[in-house]
PDB file of N, CA and C in Angstrom:
ATOM      1  N   UNK A   1     103.768 102.440 100.781  1.00  0.00           N
ATOM      2  CA  UNK A   1     103.933 101.452  99.738  1.00  0.00           C
ATOM      3  C   UNK A   1     102.994 101.786  98.585  1.00  0.00           C
ATOM      4  N   UNK A   2     103.504 101.648  97.372  1.00  0.00           N
ATOM      5  CA  UNK A   2     102.725 102.016  96.201  1.00  0.00           C
ATOM      6  C   UNK A   2     101.674 100.959  95.885  1.00  0.00           C
ATOM      7  N   UNK A   3     100.700 101.341  95.086  1.00  0.00           N
ATOM      8  CA  UNK A   3      99.657 100.413  94.647  1.00  0.00           C
ATOM      9  C   UNK A   3     100.128  99.653  93.420  1.00  0.00           C
ATOM     10  N   UNK A   4     101.089  98.733  93.619  1.00  0.00           N
ATOM     11  CA  UNK A   4     101.655  97.961  92.520  1.00  0.00           C
ATOM     12  C   UNK A   4     101.675  96.489  92.914  1.00  0.00           C
ATOM     13  N   UNK A   5     101.223  95.631  92.010  1.00  0.00           N
ATOM     14  CA  UNK A   5     101.265  94.189  92.237  1.00  0.00           C
ATOM     15  C   UNK A   5     102.718  93.736  92.202  1.00  0.00           C
ATOM     16  N   UNK A   6     103.112  92.937  93.188  1.00  0.00           N
ATOM     17  CA  UNK A   6     104.502  92.500  93.252  1.00  0.00           C
ATOM     18  C   UNK A   6     104.801  91.378  92.268  1.00  0.00           C
ATOM     19  N   UNK A   7     103.781  90.781  91.628  1.00  0.00           N
ATOM     20  CA  UNK A   7     104.003  89.696  90.676  1.00  0.00           C
ATOM     21  C   UNK A   7     104.021  90.222  89.241  1.00  0.00           C
ATOM     22  N   UNK A   8     102.944  90.892  88.838  1.00  0.00           N
ATOM     23  CA  UNK A   8     102.834  91.315  87.433  1.00  0.00           C
ATOM     24  C   UNK A   8     103.161  92.788  87.220  1.00  0.00           C
ATOM     25  N   UNK A   9     103.242  93.573  88.286  1.00  0.00           N
ATOM     26  CA  UNK A   9     103.575  94.989  88.137  1.00  0.00           C
ATOM     27  C   UNK A   9     102.406  95.880  87.774  1.00  0.00           C
ATOM     28  N   UNK A  10     101.192  95.337  87.891  1.00  0.00           N
ATOM     29  CA  UNK A  10     100.011  96.141  87.574  1.00  0.00           C
ATOM     30  C   UNK A  10      99.887  97.275  88.579  1.00  0.00           C
ATOM     31  N   UNK A  11      99.638  98.501  88.089  1.00  0.00           N
ATOM     32  CA  UNK A  11      99.553  99.656  88.964  1.00  0.00           C
ATOM     33  C   UNK A  11      98.360 100.520  88.638  1.00  0.00           C
ATOM     34  N   UNK A  12      98.380 101.734  89.140  1.00  0.00           N
ATOM     35  CA  UNK A  12      97.289 102.682  88.943  1.00  0.00           C
ATOM     36  C   UNK A  12      97.324 103.188  87.504  1.00  0.00           C
ATOM     37  N   UNK A  13      96.162 103.225  86.852  1.00  0.00           N
ATOM     38  CA  UNK A  13      96.064 103.795  85.514  1.00  0.00           C
ATOM     39  C   UNK A  13      95.160 105.018  85.575  1.00  0.00           C
ATOM     40  N   UNK A  14      95.384 105.943  84.665  1.00  0.00           N
ATOM     41  CA  UNK A  14      94.643 107.195  84.687  1.00  0.00           C
ATOM     42  C   UNK A  14      93.835 107.344  83.408  1.00  0.00           C
ATOM     43  N   UNK A  15      92.840 108.211  83.494  1.00  0.00           N
ATOM     44  CA  UNK A  15      92.002 108.481  82.342  1.00  0.00           C
ATOM     45  C   UNK A  15      91.077 109.644  82.644  1.00  0.00           C
ATOM     46  N   UNK A  16      89.965 109.701  81.956  1.00  0.00           N
ATOM     47  CA  UNK A  16      89.033 110.804  82.101  1.00  0.00           C
ATOM     48  C   UNK A  16      87.627 110.305  82.391  1.00  0.00           C
ATOM     49  N   UNK A  17      86.946 110.996  83.299  1.00  0.00           N
ATOM     50  CA  UNK A  17      85.501 110.869  83.413  1.00  0.00           C
ATOM     51  C   UNK A  17      84.910 111.758  82.332  1.00  0.00           C
ATOM     52  N   UNK A  18      83.931 111.246  81.593  1.00  0.00           N
ATOM     53  CA  UNK A  18      83.289 112.050  80.560  1.00  0.00           C
ATOM     54  C   UNK A  18      81.799 112.091  80.865  1.00  0.00           C
ATOM     55  N   UNK A  19      81.295 113.282  81.147  1.00  0.00           N
ATOM     56  CA  UNK A  19      79.883 113.430  81.489  1.00  0.00           C
ATOM     57  C   UNK A  19      79.029 113.462  80.220  1.00  0.00           C
ATOM     58  N   UNK A  20      77.733 113.522  80.403  1.00  0.00           N
ATOM     59  CA  UNK A  20      76.812 113.570  79.272  1.00  0.00           C
ATOM     60  C   UNK A  20      77.033 114.831  78.432  1.00  0.00           C
ATOM     61  N   UNK A  21      77.403 115.930  79.096  1.00  0.00           N
ATOM     62  CA  UNK A  21      77.678 117.173  78.375  1.00  0.00           C
ATOM     63  C   UNK A  21      79.127 117.246  77.910  1.00  0.00           C
ATOM     64  N   UNK A  22      79.848 116.133  78.005  1.00  0.00           N
ATOM     65  CA  UNK A  22      81.233 115.962  77.542  1.00  0.00           C
ATOM     66  C   UNK A  22      82.247 116.810  78.320  1.00  0.00           C
ATOM     67  N   UNK A  23      81.923 117.121  79.572  1.00  0.00           N
ATOM     68  CA  UNK A  23      82.908 117.755  80.450  1.00  0.00           C
ATOM     69  C   UNK A  23      83.826 116.657  80.962  1.00  0.00           C
ATOM     70  N   UNK A  24      85.132 116.857  80.773  1.00  0.00           N
ATOM     71  CA  UNK A  24      86.095 115.815  81.109  1.00  0.00           C
ATOM     72  C   UNK A  24      86.861 116.184  82.378  1.00  0.00           C
ATOM     73  N   UNK A  25      86.908 115.244  83.316  1.00  0.00           N
ATOM     74  CA  UNK A  25      87.690 115.415  84.537  1.00  0.00           C
ATOM     75  C   UNK A  25      88.575 114.187  84.722  1.00  0.00           C
ATOM     76  N   UNK A  26      89.717 114.386  85.356  1.00  0.00           N
ATOM     77  CA  UNK A  26      90.658 113.289  85.529  1.00  0.00           C
ATOM     78  C   UNK A  26      90.183 112.314  86.607  1.00  0.00           C
ATOM     79  N   UNK A  27      90.528 111.038  86.413  1.00  0.00           N
ATOM     80  CA  UNK A  27      90.205 110.018  87.395  1.00  0.00           C
ATOM     81  C   UNK A  27      91.257 108.920  87.328  1.00  0.00           C
ATOM     82  N   UNK A  28      91.241 108.020  88.335  1.00  0.00           N
ATOM     83  CA  UNK A  28      92.204 106.921  88.372  1.00  0.00           C
ATOM     84  C   UNK A  28      91.466 105.611  88.573  1.00  0.00           C
ATOM     85  N   UNK A  29      92.067 104.534  88.089  1.00  0.00           N
ATOM     86  CA  UNK A  29      91.607 103.185  88.337  1.00  0.00           C
ATOM     87  C   UNK A  29      92.689 102.473  89.118  1.00  0.00           C
ATOM     88  N   UNK A  30      92.337 101.943  90.284  1.00  0.00           N
ATOM     89  CA  UNK A  30      93.318 101.267  91.124  1.00  0.00           C
ATOM     90  C   UNK A  30      93.139  99.754  90.988  1.00  0.00           C
ATOM     91  N   UNK A  31      94.235  98.997  90.996  1.00  0.00           N
ATOM     92  CA  UNK A  31      94.119  97.540  90.918  1.00  0.00           C
ATOM     93  C   UNK A  31      93.573  96.975  92.217  1.00  0.00           C
ATOM     94  N   UNK A  32      92.938  95.815  92.128  1.00  0.00           N
ATOM     95  CA  UNK A  32      92.371  95.150  93.299  1.00  0.00           C
ATOM     96  C   UNK A  32      93.489  94.352  93.964  1.00  0.00           C
ATOM     97  N   UNK A  33      94.205  94.993  94.894  1.00  0.00           N
ATOM     98  CA  UNK A  33      95.349  94.369  95.550  1.00  0.00           C
ATOM     99  C   UNK A  33      94.939  93.762  96.874  1.00  0.00           C
ATOM    100  N   UNK A  34      95.495  92.598  97.160  1.00  0.00           N
ATOM    101  CA  UNK A  34      95.276  91.922  98.427  1.00  0.00           C
ATOM    102  C   UNK A  34      96.632  91.674  99.063  1.00  0.00           C
ATOM    103  N   UNK A  35      96.719  91.892 100.366  1.00  0.00           N
ATOM    104  CA  UNK A  35      97.955  91.569 101.088  1.00  0.00           C
ATOM    105  C   UNK A  35      97.856  90.117 101.545  1.00  0.00           C
ATOM    106  N   UNK A  36      98.708  89.267 100.991  1.00  0.00           N
ATOM    107  CA  UNK A  36      98.664  87.832 101.287  1.00  0.00           C
ATOM    108  C   UNK A  36     100.042  87.357 101.726  1.00  0.00           C
ATOM    109  N   UNK A  37     100.039  86.250 102.448  1.00  0.00           N
ATOM    110  CA  UNK A  37     101.295  85.589 102.797  1.00  0.00           C
ATOM    111  C   UNK A  37     101.602  84.604 101.679  1.00  0.00           C
ATOM    112  N   UNK A  38     102.681  84.852 100.976  1.00  0.00           N
ATOM    113  CA  UNK A  38     103.067  84.003  99.858  1.00  0.00           C
ATOM    114  C   UNK A  38     104.486  83.504 100.075  1.00  0.00           C
ATOM    115  N   UNK A  39     104.792  82.399  99.425  1.00  0.00           N
ATOM    116  CA  UNK A  39     106.137  81.845  99.526  1.00  0.00           C
ATOM    117  C   UNK A  39     107.001  82.485  98.452  1.00  0.00           C
ATOM    118  N   UNK A  40     107.996  83.277  98.890  1.00  0.00           N
ATOM    119  CA  UNK A  40     108.924  83.944  97.992  1.00  0.00           C
ATOM    120  C   UNK A  40     110.327  83.485  98.357  1.00  0.00           C
ATOM    121  N   UNK A  41     111.015  82.879  97.413  1.00  0.00           N
ATOM    122  CA  UNK A  41     112.361  82.320  97.620  1.00  0.00           C
ATOM    123  C   UNK A  41     112.399  81.327  98.783  1.00  0.00           C
ATOM    124  N   UNK A  42     111.341  80.538  98.929  1.00  0.00           N
ATOM    125  CA  UNK A  42     111.303  79.501  99.949  1.00  0.00           C
ATOM    126  C   UNK A  42     110.861  79.943 101.320  1.00  0.00           C
ATOM    127  N   UNK A  43     110.636  81.235 101.537  1.00  0.00           N
ATOM    128  CA  UNK A  43     110.203  81.734 102.841  1.00  0.00           C
ATOM    129  C   UNK A  43     108.873  82.459 102.694  1.00  0.00           C
ATOM    130  N   UNK A  44     107.979  82.308 103.683  1.00  0.00           N
ATOM    131  CA  UNK A  44     106.701  83.025 103.607  1.00  0.00           C
ATOM    132  C   UNK A  44     106.892  84.519 103.919  1.00  0.00           C
ATOM    133  N   UNK A  45     106.372  85.357 103.036  1.00  0.00           N
ATOM    134  CA  UNK A  45     106.443  86.809 103.209  1.00  0.00           C
ATOM    135  C   UNK A  45     105.108  87.419 102.849  1.00  0.00           C
ATOM    136  N   UNK A  46     104.831  88.600 103.411  1.00  0.00           N
ATOM    137  CA  UNK A  46     103.613  89.316 103.058  1.00  0.00           C
ATOM    138  C   UNK A  46     103.878  90.168 101.829  1.00  0.00           C
ATOM    139  N   UNK A  47     103.064  89.985 100.802  1.00  0.00           N
ATOM    140  CA  UNK A  47     103.218  90.741  99.563  1.00  0.00           C
ATOM    141  C   UNK A  47     101.856  91.255  99.122  1.00  0.00           C
ATOM    142  N   UNK A  48     101.873  92.337  98.345  1.00  0.00           N
ATOM    143  CA  UNK A  48     100.661  92.862  97.737  1.00  0.00           C
ATOM    144  C   UNK A  48     100.535  92.264  96.353  1.00  0.00           C
ATOM    145  N   UNK A  49      99.417  91.537  96.127  1.00  0.00           N
ATOM    146  CA  UNK A  49      99.209  90.824  94.872  1.00  0.00           C
ATOM    147  C   UNK A  49      97.828  91.169  94.357  1.00  0.00           C
ATOM    148  N   UNK A  50      97.705  91.370  93.043  1.00  0.00           N
ATOM    149  CA  UNK A  50      96.395  91.634  92.470  1.00  0.00           C
ATOM    150  C   UNK A  50      95.599  90.333  92.396  1.00  0.00           C
ATOM    151  N   UNK A  51      94.290  90.444  92.367  1.00  0.00           N
ATOM    152  CA  UNK A  51      93.426  89.273  92.395  1.00  0.00           C
ATOM    153  C   UNK A  51      93.543  88.451  91.118  1.00  0.00           C
ATOM    154  N   UNK A  52      93.933  89.064  90.017  1.00  0.00           N
ATOM    155  CA  UNK A  52      94.128  88.317  88.776  1.00  0.00           C
ATOM    156  C   UNK A  52      95.272  87.326  88.929  1.00  0.00           C
ATOM    157  N   UNK A  53      96.360  87.737  89.584  1.00  0.00           N
ATOM    158  CA  UNK A  53      97.493  86.829  89.815  1.00  0.00           C
ATOM    159  C   UNK A  53      97.125  85.740  90.815  1.00  0.00           C
ATOM    160  N   UNK A  54      96.293  86.069  91.811  1.00  0.00           N
ATOM    161  CA  UNK A  54      95.859  85.053  92.767  1.00  0.00           C
ATOM    162  C   UNK A  54      94.999  83.995  92.088  1.00  0.00           C
ATOM    163  N   UNK A  55      94.068  84.424  91.240  1.00  0.00           N
ATOM    164  CA  UNK A  55      93.157  83.503  90.582  1.00  0.00           C
ATOM    165  C   UNK A  55      93.864  82.632  89.558  1.00  0.00           C
ATOM    166  N   UNK A  56      94.858  83.184  88.884  1.00  0.00           N
ATOM    167  CA  UNK A  56      95.525  82.428  87.825  1.00  0.00           C
ATOM    168  C   UNK A  56      96.603  81.498  88.357  1.00  0.00           C
ATOM    169  N   UNK A  57      96.860  81.548  89.669  1.00  0.00           N
ATOM    170  CA  UNK A  57      97.803  80.620  90.261  1.00  0.00           C
ATOM    171  C   UNK A  57      99.259  81.026  90.138  1.00  0.00           C
ATOM    172  N   UNK A  58      99.522  82.294  89.911  1.00  0.00           N
ATOM    173  CA  UNK A  58     100.900  82.768  89.803  1.00  0.00           C
ATOM    174  C   UNK A  58     101.555  82.909  91.161  1.00  0.00           C
ATOM    175  N   UNK A  59     100.760  82.799  92.242  1.00  0.00           N
ATOM    176  CA  UNK A  59     101.278  82.985  93.594  1.00  0.00           C
ATOM    177  C   UNK A  59     101.055  81.702  94.383  1.00  0.00           C
ATOM    178  N   UNK A  60     102.081  81.238  95.049  1.00  0.00           N
ATOM    179  CA  UNK A  60     101.971  80.091  95.951  1.00  0.00           C
ATOM    180  C   UNK A  60     101.731  80.632  97.341  1.00  0.00           C
ATOM    181  N   UNK A  61     100.520  80.452  97.851  1.00  0.00           N
ATOM    182  CA  UNK A  61     100.175  81.004  99.158  1.00  0.00           C
ATOM    183  C   UNK A  61     100.754  80.168 100.282  1.00  0.00           C
ATOM    184  N   UNK A  62     101.164  80.861 101.358  1.00  0.00           N
ATOM    185  CA  UNK A  62     101.673  80.192 102.545  1.00  0.00           C
ATOM    186  C   UNK A  62     100.509  79.943 103.486  1.00  0.00           C
ATOM    187  N   UNK A  63     100.569  78.864 104.222  1.00  0.00           N
ATOM    188  CA  UNK A  63      99.482  78.513 105.158  1.00  0.00           C
ATOM    189  C   UNK A  63      99.768  79.041 106.540  1.00  0.00           C
TER     190      UNK A  63
END
């Protein structure tokens, strides 16, 4: 399963590490995904959701 939020679609972003001597190497930033039980279409399912969506209330968690 990919590192993608099932609510907002946030995924891995890429960029460069830049050292003091300006040597550039590739790196990635991964989203902070949590596997939670959420109510999707009236049924509880396990989904990968980023913490921003959890905090903002975009996900209705199942108990």
